[in-house]
C-alpha atoms as a PDB file:
ATOM      1  CA  UNK A   1       0.000   0.000   0.000  1.00  0.00           C
ATOM      2  CA  UNK A   2       1.337   3.426  -0.959  1.00  0.00           C
ATOM      3  CA  UNK A   3       1.780   6.050   1.732  1.00  0.00           C
ATOM      4  CA  UNK A   4      -0.564   8.374  -0.174  1.00  0.00           C
ATOM      5  CA  UNK A   5      -3.479   6.009   0.522  1.00  0.00           C
ATOM      6  CA  UNK A   6      -2.889   5.925   4.272  1.00  0.00           C
ATOM      7  CA  UNK A   7      -3.155   8.425   7.123  1.00  0.00           C
ATOM      8  CA  UNK A   8      -0.732  11.309   7.474  1.00  0.00           C
ATOM      9  CA  UNK A   9       0.093  13.385  10.542  1.00  0.00           C
ATOM     10  CA  UNK A  10       1.217  16.968   9.964  1.00  0.00           C
ATOM     11  CA  UNK A  11       3.223  19.172  12.307  1.00  0.00           C
ATOM     12  CA  UNK A  12       3.656  22.927  12.162  1.00  0.00           C
ATOM     13  CA  UNK A  13       5.080  25.730  14.306  1.00  0.00           C
ATOM     14  CA  UNK A  14       4.653  29.484  14.395  1.00  0.00           C
ATOM     15  CA  UNK A  15       7.552  31.189  16.133  1.00  0.00           C
ATOM     16  CA  UNK A  16       9.225  34.400  17.239  1.00  0.00           C
ATOM     17  CA  UNK A  17      11.592  34.458  14.256  1.00  0.00           C
ATOM     18  CA  UNK A  18      13.695  32.426  11.847  1.00  0.00           C
ATOM     19  CA  UNK A  19      16.839  31.574  13.823  1.00  0.00           C
ATOM     20  CA  UNK A  20      16.640  28.036  15.210  1.00  0.00           C
ATOM     21  CA  UNK A  21      19.290  28.768  17.836  1.00  0.00           C
ATOM     22  CA  UNK A  22      17.594  31.711  19.539  1.00  0.00           C
ATOM     23  CA  UNK A  23      13.945  31.894  18.505  1.00  0.00           C
ATOM     24  CA  UNK A  24      11.019  30.345  20.355  1.00  0.00           C
ATOM     25  CA  UNK A  25       7.784  28.502  19.661  1.00  0.00           C
ATOM     26  CA  UNK A  26       4.590  30.553  19.890  1.00  0.00           C
ATOM     27  CA  UNK A  27       2.006  28.101  18.530  1.00  0.00           C
ATOM     28  CA  UNK A  28       2.136  24.473  17.426  1.00  0.00           C
ATOM     29  CA  UNK A  29      -0.194  21.926  15.867  1.00  0.00           C
ATOM     30  CA  UNK A  30      -0.157  18.171  15.345  1.00  0.00           C
ATOM     31  CA  UNK A  31      -2.994  17.089  13.049  1.00  0.00           C
ATOM     32  CA  UNK A  32      -3.976  13.647  11.717  1.00  0.00           C
ATOM     33  CA  UNK A  33      -5.521  13.460   8.248  1.00  0.00           C
ATOM     34  CA  UNK A  34      -7.232  10.386   6.881  1.00  0.00           C
ATOM     35  CA  UNK A  35      -6.876   9.210   3.253  1.00  0.00           C
ATOM     36  CA  UNK A  36      -9.887  11.292   2.212  1.00  0.00           C
ATOM     37  CA  UNK A  37      -8.185  14.422   3.592  1.00  0.00           C
ATOM     38  CA  UNK A  38     -10.494  14.759   6.582  1.00  0.00           C
ATOM     39  CA  UNK A  39      -9.029  15.739   9.945  1.00  0.00           C
ATOM     40  CA  UNK A  40      -9.643  12.933  12.458  1.00  0.00           C
ATOM     41  CA  UNK A  41      -7.556  14.177  15.414  1.00  0.00           C
ATOM     42  CA  UNK A  42      -5.680  17.302  16.356  1.00  0.00           C
ATOM     43  CA  UNK A  43      -3.781  18.997  19.142  1.00  0.00           C
ATOM     44  CA  UNK A  44      -2.816  22.645  19.248  1.00  0.00           C
ATOM     45  CA  UNK A  45      -0.767  24.715  21.655  1.00  0.00           C
ATOM     46  CA  UNK A  46      -0.385  28.412  22.451  1.00  0.00           C
ATOM     47  CA  UNK A  47       2.792  29.130  24.400  1.00  0.00           C
ATOM     48  CA  UNK A  48       4.089  31.968  26.454  1.00  0.00           C
ATOM     49  CA  UNK A  49       7.568  31.878  24.899  1.00  0.00           C
ATOM     50  CA  UNK A  50       9.105  33.797  27.789  1.00  0.00           C
ATOM     51  CA  UNK A  51      10.443  36.514  25.494  1.00  0.00           C
ATOM     52  CA  UNK A  52       8.987  39.464  23.624  1.00  0.00           C
ATOM     53  CA  UNK A  53       7.462  38.425  20.302  1.00  0.00           C
ATOM     54  CA  UNK A  54       8.841  40.805  17.651  1.00  0.00           C
ATOM     55  CA  UNK A  55       6.280  42.903  15.826  1.00  0.00           C
ATOM     56  CA  UNK A  56       7.390  41.394  12.507  1.00  0.00           C
ATOM     57  CA  UNK A  57       6.518  37.914  13.771  1.00  0.00           C
ATOM     58  CA  UNK A  58       3.230  39.030  15.311  1.00  0.00           C
ATOM     59  CA  UNK A  59       2.270  40.603  11.992  1.00  0.00           C
ATOM     60  CA  UNK A  60       2.646  37.195  10.344  1.00  0.00           C
ATOM     61  CA  UNK A  61       0.929  34.845  12.785  1.00  0.00           C
ATOM     62  CA  UNK A  62      -1.230  37.333  14.708  1.00  0.00           C
ATOM     63  CA  UNK A  63      -0.038  36.477  18.226  1.00  0.00           C
ATOM     64  CA  UNK A  64       1.158  39.412  20.316  1.00  0.00           C
ATOM     65  CA  UNK A  65       3.382  39.262  23.387  1.00  0.00           C
ATOM     66  CA  UNK A  66       0.513  40.345  25.626  1.00  0.00           C
ATOM     67  CA  UNK A  67      -1.827  37.706  24.189  1.00  0.00           C
ATOM     68  CA  UNK A  68       0.749  34.958  24.604  1.00  0.00           C
ATOM     69  CA  UNK A  69       1.486  35.979  28.185  1.00  0.00           C
ATOM     70  CA  UNK A  70      -2.191  36.081  29.113  1.00  0.00           C
ATOM     71  CA  UNK A  71      -3.408  32.967  27.329  1.00  0.00           C
ATOM     72  CA  UNK A  72      -0.318  30.861  26.632  1.00  0.00           C
ATOM     73  CA  UNK A  73       0.927  27.951  28.726  1.00  0.00           C
ATOM     74  CA  UNK A  74       4.432  27.715  30.143  1.00  0.00           C
ATOM     75  CA  UNK A  75       6.873  26.995  27.341  1.00  0.00           C
ATOM     76  CA  UNK A  76       8.704  24.176  29.135  1.00  0.00           C
ATOM     77  CA  UNK A  77       5.576  22.076  29.703  1.00  0.00           C
ATOM     78  CA  UNK A  78       4.240  22.745  26.199  1.00  0.00           C
ATOM     79  CA  UNK A  79       7.554  21.807  24.563  1.00  0.00           C
ATOM     80  CA  UNK A  80       7.474  18.508  26.465  1.00  0.00           C
ATOM     81  CA  UNK A  81       3.924  17.814  25.259  1.00  0.00           C
ATOM     82  CA  UNK A  82       4.723  18.759  21.653  1.00  0.00           C
ATOM     83  CA  UNK A  83       7.868  16.643  21.570  1.00  0.00           C
ATOM     84  CA  UNK A  84       6.082  13.672  23.085  1.00  0.00           C
ATOM     85  CA  UNK A  85       3.242  13.960  20.572  1.00  0.00           C
ATOM     86  CA  UNK A  86       5.600  14.129  17.588  1.00  0.00           C
ATOM     87  CA  UNK A  87       7.732  11.255  18.889  1.00  0.00           C
ATOM     88  CA  UNK A  88       4.642   9.094  19.331  1.00  0.00           C
ATOM     89  CA  UNK A  89       3.661   9.691  15.701  1.00  0.00           C
ATOM     90  CA  UNK A  90       7.078   8.668  14.426  1.00  0.00           C
ATOM     91  CA  UNK A  91       7.247   5.685  16.767  1.00  0.00           C
ATOM     92  CA  UNK A  92       3.994   4.433  15.252  1.00  0.00           C
ATOM     93  CA  UNK A  93       5.473   4.565  11.748  1.00  0.00           C
ATOM     94  CA  UNK A  94       2.895   7.068  10.507  1.00  0.00           C
ATOM     95  CA  UNK A  95       4.499   9.581   8.137  1.00  0.00           C
ATOM     96  CA  UNK A  96       5.079  12.996   9.710  1.00  0.00           C
ATOM     97  CA  UNK A  97       4.498  15.825   7.225  1.00  0.00           C
ATOM     98  CA  UNK A  98       6.492  18.973   8.009  1.00  0.00           C
ATOM     99  CA  UNK A  99       6.792  21.895   5.621  1.00  0.00           C
ATOM    100  CA  UNK A 100      10.461  22.959   5.758  1.00  0.00           C
ATOM    101  CA  UNK A 101      11.229  20.262   8.328  1.00  0.00           C
ATOM    102  CA  UNK A 102      14.806  21.467   8.656  1.00  0.00           C
ATOM    103  CA  UNK A 103      13.459  24.566  10.422  1.00  0.00           C
ATOM    104  CA  UNK A 104      10.537  23.289  12.504  1.00  0.00           C
ATOM    105  CA  UNK A 105      12.165  20.096  13.759  1.00  0.00           C
ATOM    106  CA  UNK A 106      15.488  21.832  14.446  1.00  0.00           C
ATOM    107  CA  UNK A 107      13.795  24.626  16.395  1.00  0.00           C
ATOM    108  CA  UNK A 108      11.886  22.060  18.459  1.00  0.00           C
ATOM    109  CA  UNK A 109      15.195  20.292  19.116  1.00  0.00           C
ATOM    110  CA  UNK A 110      16.739  23.538  20.407  1.00  0.00           C
ATOM    111  CA  UNK A 111      13.721  24.220  22.603  1.00  0.00           C
ATOM    112  CA  UNK A 112      14.225  20.785  24.176  1.00  0.00           C
ATOM    113  CA  UNK A 113      17.837  21.662  24.909  1.00  0.00           C
ATOM    114  CA  UNK A 114      16.783  25.026  26.364  1.00  0.00           C
ATOM    115  CA  UNK A 115      14.504  23.345  28.905  1.00  0.00           C
ATOM    116  CA  UNK A 116      16.605  20.262  29.615  1.00  0.00           C
ATOM    117  CA  UNK A 117      14.194  17.878  27.865  1.00  0.00           C
ATOM    118  CA  UNK A 118      14.911  14.815  25.742  1.00  0.00           C
ATOM    119  CA  UNK A 119      14.774  15.628  22.042  1.00  0.00           C
ATOM    120  CA  UNK A 120      12.808  13.570  19.535  1.00  0.00           C
ATOM    121  CA  UNK A 121      16.032  11.904  18.400  1.00  0.00           C
ATOM    122  CA  UNK A 122      16.928  11.009  21.981  1.00  0.00           C
ATOM    123  CA  UNK A 123      13.473   9.584  22.632  1.00  0.00           C
ATOM    124  CA  UNK A 124      13.510   7.499  19.457  1.00  0.00           C
ATOM    125  CA  UNK A 125      17.198   6.629  19.431  1.00  0.00           C
ATOM    126  CA  UNK A 126      17.385   7.707  15.769  1.00  0.00           C
ATOM    127  CA  UNK A 127      17.024  10.821  13.654  1.00  0.00           C
ATOM    128  CA  UNK A 128      13.278  11.551  13.235  1.00  0.00           C
ATOM    129  CA  UNK A 129      11.852   9.318  10.495  1.00  0.00           C
ATOM    130  CA  UNK A 130       9.741   8.899   8.407  1.00  0.00           C
ATOM    131  CA  UNK A 131       9.375  12.605   7.638  1.00  0.00           C
ATOM    132  CA  UNK A 132       7.812  13.974   4.443  1.00  0.00           C
ATOM    133  CA  UNK A 133       8.700  17.558   3.551  1.00  0.00           C
ATOM    134  CA  UNK A 134       6.645  19.206   0.779  1.00  0.00           C
ATOM    135  CA  UNK A 135       9.345  21.828   0.236  1.00  0.00           C
ATOM    136  CA  UNK A 136      12.126  19.315  -0.398  1.00  0.00           C
ATOM    137  CA  UNK A 137       9.976  17.028  -2.520  1.00  0.00           C
ATOM    138  CA  UNK A 138       8.591  19.823  -4.698  1.00  0.00           C
ATOM    139  CA  UNK A 139      12.076  21.150  -5.428  1.00  0.00           C
ATOM    140  CA  UNK A 140      13.173  17.619  -6.291  1.00  0.00           C
ATOM    141  CA  UNK A 141      10.330  16.694  -8.645  1.00  0.00           C
ATOM    142  CA  UNK A 142       9.951  20.129 -10.279  1.00  0.00           C
ATOM    143  CA  UNK A 143      13.434  21.587 -10.059  1.00  0.00           C
ATOM    144  CA  UNK A 144      13.186  24.315 -12.678  1.00  0.00           C
ATOM    145  CA  UNK A 145       9.740  25.751 -11.955  1.00  0.00           C
ATOM    146  CA  UNK A 146      10.061  29.481 -11.324  1.00  0.00           C
ATOM    147  CA  UNK A 147       8.602  31.310  -8.358  1.00  0.00           C
ATOM    148  CA  UNK A 148       8.460  30.885  -4.630  1.00  0.00           C
ATOM    149  CA  UNK A 149       8.040  27.471  -2.993  1.00  0.00           C
ATOM    150  CA  UNK A 150       6.300  28.862   0.101  1.00  0.00           C
ATOM    151  CA  UNK A 151       3.289  26.893   1.338  1.00  0.00           C
ATOM    152  CA  UNK A 152       0.741  29.281  -0.172  1.00  0.00           C
ATOM    153  CA  UNK A 153       2.429  28.898  -3.562  1.00  0.00           C
ATOM    154  CA  UNK A 154       2.499  25.103  -3.302  1.00  0.00           C
ATOM    155  CA  UNK A 155      -1.185  25.120  -2.391  1.00  0.00           C
ATOM    156  CA  UNK A 156      -1.993  27.221  -5.441  1.00  0.00           C
ATOM    157  CA  UNK A 157       0.137  25.013  -7.711  1.00  0.00           C
ATOM    158  CA  UNK A 158      -1.355  21.735  -6.488  1.00  0.00           C
ATOM    159  CA  UNK A 159      -4.922  22.983  -6.120  1.00  0.00           C
ATOM    160  CA  UNK A 160      -5.200  22.854  -2.327  1.00  0.00           C
ATOM    161  CA  UNK A 161      -7.198  25.375  -0.316  1.00  0.00           C
ATOM    162  CA  UNK A 162      -5.278  27.319   2.329  1.00  0.00           C
ATOM    163  CA  UNK A 163      -7.460  29.249   4.731  1.00  0.00           C
ATOM    164  CA  UNK A 164      -6.045  31.254   7.613  1.00  0.00           C
ATOM    165  CA  UNK A 165      -2.408  31.027   6.469  1.00  0.00           C
ATOM    166  CA  UNK A 166       0.215  31.161   9.233  1.00  0.00           C
ATOM    167  CA  UNK A 167      -2.157  29.534  11.672  1.00  0.00           C
ATOM    168  CA  UNK A 168      -0.289  26.402  12.770  1.00  0.00           C
ATOM    169  CA  UNK A 169      -3.288  24.102  12.400  1.00  0.00           C
ATOM    170  CA  UNK A 170      -4.290  25.491   8.999  1.00  0.00           C
ATOM    171  CA  UNK A 171      -0.748  25.265   7.681  1.00  0.00           C
ATOM    172  CA  UNK A 172      -0.346  21.703   8.949  1.00  0.00           C
ATOM    173  CA  UNK A 173      -3.549  20.573   7.249  1.00  0.00           C
ATOM    174  CA  UNK A 174      -2.597  22.274   3.994  1.00  0.00           C
ATOM    175  CA  UNK A 175       0.903  20.769   4.014  1.00  0.00           C
ATOM    176  CA  UNK A 176      -0.490  17.245   4.382  1.00  0.00           C
ATOM    177  CA  UNK A 177      -3.012  17.746   1.599  1.00  0.00           C
ATOM    178  CA  UNK A 178      -0.360  19.247  -0.679  1.00  0.00           C
ATOM    179  CA  UNK A 179       2.085  16.407  -0.163  1.00  0.00           C
ATOM    180  CA  UNK A 180      -0.607  13.844  -0.913  1.00  0.00           C
ATOM    181  CA  UNK A 181      -1.319  15.651  -4.184  1.00  0.00           C
ATOM    182  CA  UNK A 182       2.398  15.603  -4.951  1.00  0.00           C
ATOM    183  CA  UNK A 183       2.491  11.873  -4.399  1.00  0.00           C
ATOM    184  CA  UNK A 184      -0.512  11.361  -6.670  1.00  0.00           C
ATOM    185  CA  UNK A 185       0.995  13.502  -9.428  1.00  0.00           C
ATOM    186  CA  UNK A 186       4.557  12.234  -9.196  1.00  0.00           C
ATOM    187  CA  UNK A 187       4.153   8.474  -8.997  1.00  0.00           C
ATOM    188  CA  UNK A 188       7.808   7.541  -8.401  1.00  0.00           C
ATOM    189  CA  UNK A 189       7.498   9.533  -5.168  1.00  0.00           C
ATOM    190  CA  UNK A 190       3.958   8.457  -4.374  1.00  0.00           C
ATOM    191  CA  UNK A 191       4.696   4.740  -4.712  1.00  0.00           C
ATOM    192  CA  UNK A 192       8.054   4.794  -2.918  1.00  0.00           C
ATOM    193  CA  UNK A 193       8.421   2.953   0.407  1.00  0.00           C
ATOM    194  CA  UNK A 194       8.649   5.417   3.282  1.00  0.00           C
ATOM    195  CA  UNK A 195      12.216   4.455   4.165  1.00  0.00           C
ATOM    196  CA  UNK A 196      13.312   5.078   0.590  1.00  0.00           C
ATOM    197  CA  UNK A 197      11.364   8.342   0.410  1.00  0.00           C
ATOM    198  CA  UNK A 198      12.980   9.590   3.609  1.00  0.00           C
ATOM    199  CA  UNK A 199      16.455   8.709   2.318  1.00  0.00           C
ATOM    200  CA  UNK A 200      15.690  10.406  -1.002  1.00  0.00           C
ATOM    201  CA  UNK A 201      14.840  13.618   0.830  1.00  0.00           C
ATOM    202  CA  UNK A 202      18.087  13.496   2.815  1.00  0.00           C
ATOM    203  CA  UNK A 203      20.007  13.388  -0.477  1.00  0.00           C
ATOM    204  CA  UNK A 204      17.740  15.889  -2.236  1.00  0.00           C
ATOM    205  CA  UNK A 205      17.930  18.414   0.604  1.00  0.00           C
ATOM    206  CA  UNK A 206      21.717  18.208   0.599  1.00  0.00           C
ATOM    207  CA  UNK A 207      21.852  18.681  -3.174  1.00  0.00           C
ATOM    208  CA  UNK A 208      19.461  21.636  -3.011  1.00  0.00           C
ATOM    209  CA  UNK A 209      21.567  23.278  -0.303  1.00  0.00           C
ATOM    210  CA  UNK A 210      24.752  22.755  -2.294  1.00  0.00           C
ATOM    211  CA  UNK A 211      23.146  24.322  -5.367  1.00  0.00           C
ATOM    212  CA  UNK A 212      21.956  27.357  -3.402  1.00  0.00           C
ATOM    213  CA  UNK A 213      25.328  27.745  -1.730  1.00  0.00           C
ATOM    214  CA  UNK A 214      27.107  27.675  -5.095  1.00  0.00           C
ATOM    215  CA  UNK A 215      24.693  30.271  -6.470  1.00  0.00           C
ATOM    216  CA  UNK A 216      25.173  32.592  -3.490  1.00  0.00           C
ATOM    217  CA  UNK A 217      28.948  32.288  -3.713  1.00  0.00           C
ATOM    218  CA  UNK A 218      28.837  33.184  -7.404  1.00  0.00           C
ATOM    219  CA  UNK A 219      26.413  36.067  -7.048  1.00  0.00           C
ATOM    220  CA  UNK A 220      26.388  37.835  -3.692  1.00  0.00           C
ATOM    221  CA  UNK A 221      28.449  36.177  -0.968  1.00  0.00           C
ATOM    222  CA  UNK A 222      31.711  34.363  -1.741  1.00  0.00           C
ATOM    223  CA  UNK A 223      31.772  32.786   1.730  1.00  0.00           C
ATOM    224  CA  UNK A 224      28.096  31.737   1.961  1.00  0.00           C
ATOM    225  CA  UNK A 225      27.386  28.470   3.769  1.00  0.00           C
ATOM    226  CA  UNK A 226      23.990  26.778   3.410  1.00  0.00           C
ATOM    227  CA  UNK A 227      23.135  24.022   5.863  1.00  0.00           C
ATOM    228  CA  UNK A 228      22.810  20.620   4.199  1.00  0.00           C
ATOM    229  CA  UNK A 229      21.489  18.421   7.019  1.00  0.00           C
ATOM    230  CA  UNK A 230      17.846  17.298   6.947  1.00  0.00           C
ATOM    231  CA  UNK A 231      15.421  16.876   8.712  1.00  0.00           C
ATOM    232  CA  UNK A 232      17.254  18.122  11.835  1.00  0.00           C
ATOM    233  CA  UNK A 233      20.317  20.372  11.873  1.00  0.00           C
ATOM    234  CA  UNK A 234      22.860  18.943  14.343  1.00  0.00           C
ATOM    235  CA  UNK A 235      23.500  20.976  17.462  1.00  0.00           C
ATOM    236  CA  UNK A 236      26.720  22.922  17.641  1.00  0.00           C
ATOM    237  CA  UNK A 237      28.907  22.109  20.618  1.00  0.00           C
END
């Protein structure tokens, strides 16, 4: 049975910024979608990240510092719950869909370190797998298509509705529906065993990073370095 005909669980974060080493989780969602695309289970979190949420971030996801402080739960307990939920999905063998997994899973890893919690990798004893990343797959199967590969663009390209963009639940649902459409359209990907698909993304993500790094070094920054690891960037010592 192909993975596109089974359930998918999607994971998404909204955060205080884009730096995995210093930024914090503001909202999170873990959502299970059945083969017909219907949502059968979901968990969402609103955190008090313990820091001021920059106005630029609030403008994107709509959560202000005051709102998070008043209504959010303590970050340490929420990070434990989120990590446990994601680890349980992977332990079950259900594919975990994460748009730009290199960011979301790495940021969650750093939050675990911040609060002295076991990371997903430590709980599982392996790097998180099987993960399906719409961003990596789309770049692999349609390398030369022009334009952005942001989630809203992928939704438009693959005919998936995206309502309430930058809401963690909405983005998670859209990412799962998009990746299923990708699998249906690109049969070598859609019929691939999950272990093989995960390994393909490891190689594809590294190749995509190398290509971007070469471009940046030619055009704007001779010393540019683009991270190649996927789905989790290793911690620096």
